[in-house]
Amino acid sequence: MHVVVQHTITDPDTFFSVDIGDVVSNAPPGVQGRLFCPSQDRSAAICVWQAPSIDAVRDYIDPATAGVAENTYFEVRDEYALGLLEPAAAG
């Protein structure tokens, strides 16, 4: 499933001090980052993850953003979505 995380960022300096590549590469098994889109003013961002459940994403993201962002999660209804990224094929 695809899971969207809407971040309301309360401490942008701390939130953006983390390397997004590290966040994606350190995700638990089965949780894969697909998209990260921050707002120009750094007050908000959205992420799209592929994961077995919303809880799998929430259990990873909430502790990582504790005190710096408030997060809202929802499952994407894939058949109505446009532009979802497919995982890269392993070589």
N, C-alpha and C. Protein backbone atom coordinates (compact mmCIF):
# COMPACT_ATOMS: atom_id res chain seq x y z
N MET A 1 0.85 -1.17 0.00
CA MET A 1 0.00 0.00 0.00
C MET A 1 0.89 1.24 0.00
N HIS A 2 0.32 2.36 -0.44
CA HIS A 2 1.00 3.64 -0.36
C HIS A 2 0.39 4.44 0.79
N VAL A 3 1.25 5.09 1.54
CA VAL A 3 0.83 5.89 2.69
C VAL A 3 1.37 7.30 2.52
N VAL A 4 0.49 8.28 2.65
CA VAL A 4 0.90 9.68 2.63
C VAL A 4 1.06 10.15 4.06
N VAL A 5 2.14 10.89 4.31
CA VAL A 5 2.35 11.55 5.60
C VAL A 5 2.35 13.04 5.32
N GLN A 6 1.46 13.75 5.99
CA GLN A 6 1.43 15.21 5.92
C GLN A 6 2.11 15.73 7.20
N HIS A 7 3.22 16.41 7.03
CA HIS A 7 3.96 16.97 8.16
C HIS A 7 3.59 18.44 8.33
N THR A 8 3.18 18.83 9.51
CA THR A 8 3.09 20.23 9.89
C THR A 8 4.33 20.48 10.73
N ILE A 9 5.25 21.23 10.18
CA ILE A 9 6.59 21.36 10.76
C ILE A 9 6.62 22.51 11.76
N THR A 10 6.97 22.20 12.99
CA THR A 10 7.01 23.20 14.06
C THR A 10 8.43 23.67 14.36
N ASP A 11 9.43 22.92 13.95
CA ASP A 11 10.84 23.29 14.14
C ASP A 11 11.59 22.98 12.85
N PRO A 12 11.51 23.89 11.87
CA PRO A 12 12.08 23.59 10.56
C PRO A 12 13.60 23.39 10.58
N ASP A 13 14.31 24.11 11.42
CA ASP A 13 15.77 23.94 11.43
C ASP A 13 16.15 22.52 11.81
N THR A 14 15.49 21.97 12.82
CA THR A 14 15.78 20.60 13.23
C THR A 14 15.24 19.59 12.21
N PHE A 15 14.02 19.80 11.74
CA PHE A 15 13.42 18.88 10.77
C PHE A 15 14.30 18.75 9.53
N PHE A 16 14.79 19.87 9.00
CA PHE A 16 15.56 19.83 7.77
C PHE A 16 17.06 19.61 7.98
N SER A 17 17.48 19.45 9.23
CA SER A 17 18.88 19.12 9.48
C SER A 17 19.16 17.64 9.26
N VAL A 18 18.12 16.85 9.15
CA VAL A 18 18.25 15.41 8.94
C VAL A 18 18.37 15.15 7.44
N ASP A 19 19.28 14.28 7.05
CA ASP A 19 19.47 13.90 5.65
C ASP A 19 18.33 12.96 5.24
N ILE A 20 17.50 13.38 4.29
CA ILE A 20 16.36 12.57 3.87
C ILE A 20 16.81 11.22 3.32
N GLY A 21 17.99 11.18 2.72
CA GLY A 21 18.53 9.91 2.25
C GLY A 21 18.75 8.93 3.38
N ASP A 22 19.21 9.43 4.53
CA ASP A 22 19.39 8.58 5.71
C ASP A 22 18.04 8.08 6.23
N VAL A 23 17.04 8.95 6.21
CA VAL A 23 15.71 8.55 6.68
C VAL A 23 15.19 7.40 5.83
N VAL A 24 15.33 7.51 4.52
CA VAL A 24 14.83 6.48 3.62
C VAL A 24 15.65 5.19 3.76
N SER A 25 16.97 5.32 3.80
CA SER A 25 17.81 4.11 3.84
C SER A 25 17.75 3.39 5.18
N ASN A 26 17.36 4.08 6.25
CA ASN A 26 17.29 3.46 7.57
C ASN A 26 15.87 2.99 7.93
N ALA A 27 14.96 3.05 6.98
CA ALA A 27 13.58 2.61 7.24
C ALA A 27 13.56 1.11 7.52
N PRO A 28 12.60 0.68 8.31
CA PRO A 28 12.51 -0.76 8.60
C PRO A 28 12.18 -1.57 7.36
N PRO A 29 12.43 -2.87 7.40
CA PRO A 29 12.12 -3.72 6.24
C PRO A 29 10.66 -3.56 5.82
N GLY A 30 10.46 -3.46 4.52
CA GLY A 30 9.12 -3.33 3.97
C GLY A 30 8.60 -1.91 3.89
N VAL A 31 9.33 -0.95 4.46
CA VAL A 31 8.92 0.46 4.44
C VAL A 31 9.89 1.20 3.52
N GLN A 32 9.36 1.73 2.42
CA GLN A 32 10.20 2.38 1.42
C GLN A 32 9.69 3.78 1.11
N GLY A 33 10.58 4.75 1.23
CA GLY A 33 10.24 6.12 0.86
C GLY A 33 10.15 6.27 -0.64
N ARG A 34 9.10 6.94 -1.11
CA ARG A 34 8.90 7.13 -2.54
C ARG A 34 8.94 8.58 -2.98
N LEU A 35 8.57 9.50 -2.09
CA LEU A 35 8.46 10.90 -2.49
C LEU A 35 8.57 11.78 -1.26
N PHE A 36 9.26 12.91 -1.38
CA PHE A 36 9.34 13.91 -0.30
C PHE A 36 9.19 15.27 -0.95
N CYS A 37 8.19 16.04 -0.52
CA CYS A 37 7.91 17.36 -1.09
C CYS A 37 7.73 18.38 0.03
N PRO A 38 8.76 19.19 0.30
CA PRO A 38 8.62 20.23 1.32
C PRO A 38 8.06 21.52 0.71
N SER A 39 7.37 22.28 1.54
CA SER A 39 6.88 23.59 1.09
C SER A 39 8.04 24.58 1.02
N GLN A 40 7.87 25.59 0.20
CA GLN A 40 8.91 26.60 0.03
C GLN A 40 9.28 27.27 1.35
N ASP A 41 8.29 27.51 2.21
CA ASP A 41 8.57 28.21 3.48
C ASP A 41 8.97 27.26 4.62
N ARG A 42 9.08 25.96 4.33
CA ARG A 42 9.52 24.93 5.29
C ARG A 42 8.54 24.71 6.44
N SER A 43 7.30 25.10 6.28
CA SER A 43 6.31 24.90 7.34
C SER A 43 5.54 23.59 7.19
N ALA A 44 5.68 22.94 6.03
CA ALA A 44 4.93 21.72 5.77
C ALA A 44 5.70 20.87 4.77
N ALA A 45 5.35 19.59 4.76
CA ALA A 45 5.91 18.67 3.77
C ALA A 45 4.96 17.48 3.65
N ILE A 46 5.05 16.82 2.51
CA ILE A 46 4.36 15.55 2.37
C ILE A 46 5.37 14.50 1.94
N CYS A 47 5.11 13.28 2.37
CA CYS A 47 5.92 12.14 1.99
C CYS A 47 4.98 11.04 1.52
N VAL A 48 5.45 10.25 0.57
CA VAL A 48 4.73 9.05 0.17
C VAL A 48 5.64 7.87 0.44
N TRP A 49 5.09 6.90 1.15
CA TRP A 49 5.82 5.69 1.51
C TRP A 49 5.07 4.48 0.96
N GLN A 50 5.81 3.45 0.64
CA GLN A 50 5.21 2.16 0.33
C GLN A 50 5.51 1.28 1.54
N ALA A 51 4.46 0.66 2.08
CA ALA A 51 4.61 -0.08 3.33
C ALA A 51 3.47 -1.09 3.47
N PRO A 52 3.63 -2.04 4.38
CA PRO A 52 2.56 -3.01 4.58
C PRO A 52 1.35 -2.44 5.32
N SER A 53 1.55 -1.30 6.04
CA SER A 53 0.44 -0.72 6.81
C SER A 53 0.77 0.73 7.17
N ILE A 54 -0.27 1.47 7.52
CA ILE A 54 -0.06 2.82 8.04
C ILE A 54 0.75 2.77 9.33
N ASP A 55 0.44 1.80 10.18
CA ASP A 55 1.16 1.69 11.46
C ASP A 55 2.65 1.49 11.26
N ALA A 56 3.06 0.76 10.23
CA ALA A 56 4.48 0.56 9.97
C ALA A 56 5.17 1.89 9.69
N VAL A 57 4.51 2.76 8.94
CA VAL A 57 5.07 4.08 8.65
C VAL A 57 5.02 4.96 9.90
N ARG A 58 3.88 4.99 10.57
CA ARG A 58 3.70 5.81 11.77
C ARG A 58 4.72 5.44 12.86
N ASP A 59 4.93 4.14 13.05
CA ASP A 59 5.86 3.69 14.08
C ASP A 59 7.29 4.11 13.78
N TYR A 60 7.61 4.34 12.52
CA TYR A 60 8.94 4.81 12.14
C TYR A 60 9.04 6.34 12.15
N ILE A 61 8.04 7.02 11.59
CA ILE A 61 8.12 8.47 11.39
C ILE A 61 7.84 9.27 12.66
N ASP A 62 6.83 8.87 13.44
CA ASP A 62 6.50 9.66 14.63
C ASP A 62 7.67 9.82 15.59
N PRO A 63 8.40 8.77 15.94
CA PRO A 63 9.55 8.99 16.84
C PRO A 63 10.64 9.85 16.19
N ALA A 64 10.82 9.71 14.88
CA ALA A 64 11.86 10.48 14.19
C ALA A 64 11.55 11.97 14.12
N THR A 65 10.27 12.32 14.19
CA THR A 65 9.88 13.72 14.07
C THR A 65 9.28 14.29 15.37
N ALA A 66 9.40 13.54 16.45
CA ALA A 66 8.84 13.98 17.73
C ALA A 66 9.42 15.33 18.13
N GLY A 67 8.53 16.26 18.43
CA GLY A 67 8.95 17.59 18.86
C GLY A 67 9.26 18.56 17.73
N VAL A 68 9.30 18.08 16.49
CA VAL A 68 9.62 18.97 15.37
C VAL A 68 8.54 19.02 14.30
N ALA A 69 7.60 18.05 14.33
CA ALA A 69 6.51 18.03 13.36
C ALA A 69 5.33 17.26 13.92
N GLU A 70 4.15 17.67 13.50
CA GLU A 70 2.94 16.91 13.78
C GLU A 70 2.53 16.26 12.47
N ASN A 71 2.19 14.97 12.53
CA ASN A 71 1.99 14.19 11.32
C ASN A 71 0.57 13.65 11.22
N THR A 72 0.06 13.66 9.99
CA THR A 72 -1.22 13.06 9.67
C THR A 72 -0.96 12.01 8.60
N TYR A 73 -1.61 10.87 8.71
CA TYR A 73 -1.37 9.74 7.82
C TYR A 73 -2.66 9.33 7.12
N PHE A 74 -2.54 8.91 5.86
CA PHE A 74 -3.67 8.26 5.21
C PHE A 74 -3.19 7.30 4.14
N GLU A 75 -3.99 6.25 3.93
CA GLU A 75 -3.71 5.28 2.89
C GLU A 75 -4.21 5.84 1.56
N VAL A 76 -3.41 5.67 0.53
CA VAL A 76 -3.77 6.13 -0.82
C VAL A 76 -4.67 5.09 -1.48
N ARG A 77 -5.68 5.57 -2.12
CA ARG A 77 -6.52 4.69 -2.94
C ARG A 77 -5.87 4.64 -4.32
N ASP A 78 -5.02 3.63 -4.50
CA ASP A 78 -4.14 3.56 -5.66
C ASP A 78 -4.86 3.66 -7.00
N GLU A 79 -6.05 3.09 -7.12
CA GLU A 79 -6.70 3.08 -8.43
C GLU A 79 -7.12 4.48 -8.88
N TYR A 80 -7.17 5.45 -7.98
CA TYR A 80 -7.51 6.83 -8.33
C TYR A 80 -6.28 7.76 -8.32
N ALA A 81 -5.14 7.23 -7.90
CA ALA A 81 -3.94 8.05 -7.77
C ALA A 81 -3.30 8.28 -9.15
N LEU A 82 -2.57 9.36 -9.23
CA LEU A 82 -1.85 9.71 -10.45
C LEU A 82 -0.39 9.94 -10.10
N GLY A 83 0.51 9.30 -10.83
CA GLY A 83 1.93 9.57 -10.68
C GLY A 83 2.62 8.83 -9.56
N LEU A 84 2.04 7.78 -9.02
CA LEU A 84 2.74 7.01 -7.99
C LEU A 84 3.99 6.39 -8.59
N LEU A 85 5.07 6.48 -7.85
CA LEU A 85 6.34 5.95 -8.33
C LEU A 85 6.44 4.46 -8.05
N GLU A 86 6.91 3.73 -9.01
CA GLU A 86 7.15 2.30 -8.85
C GLU A 86 8.54 2.11 -8.27
N PRO A 87 8.74 1.06 -7.48
CA PRO A 87 10.09 0.79 -6.97
C PRO A 87 11.05 0.52 -8.11
N ALA A 88 12.30 0.90 -7.94
CA ALA A 88 13.32 0.62 -8.93
C ALA A 88 13.59 -0.88 -8.97
N ALA A 89 13.81 -1.40 -10.15
CA ALA A 89 14.11 -2.83 -10.28
C ALA A 89 15.52 -3.11 -9.79
N ALA A 90 15.69 -4.14 -9.02
CA ALA A 90 17.01 -4.53 -8.54
C ALA A 90 17.79 -5.15 -9.69
N GLY A 91 19.06 -4.80 -9.77
CA GLY A 91 19.86 -5.27 -10.89
C GLY A 91 20.56 -6.50 -10.63
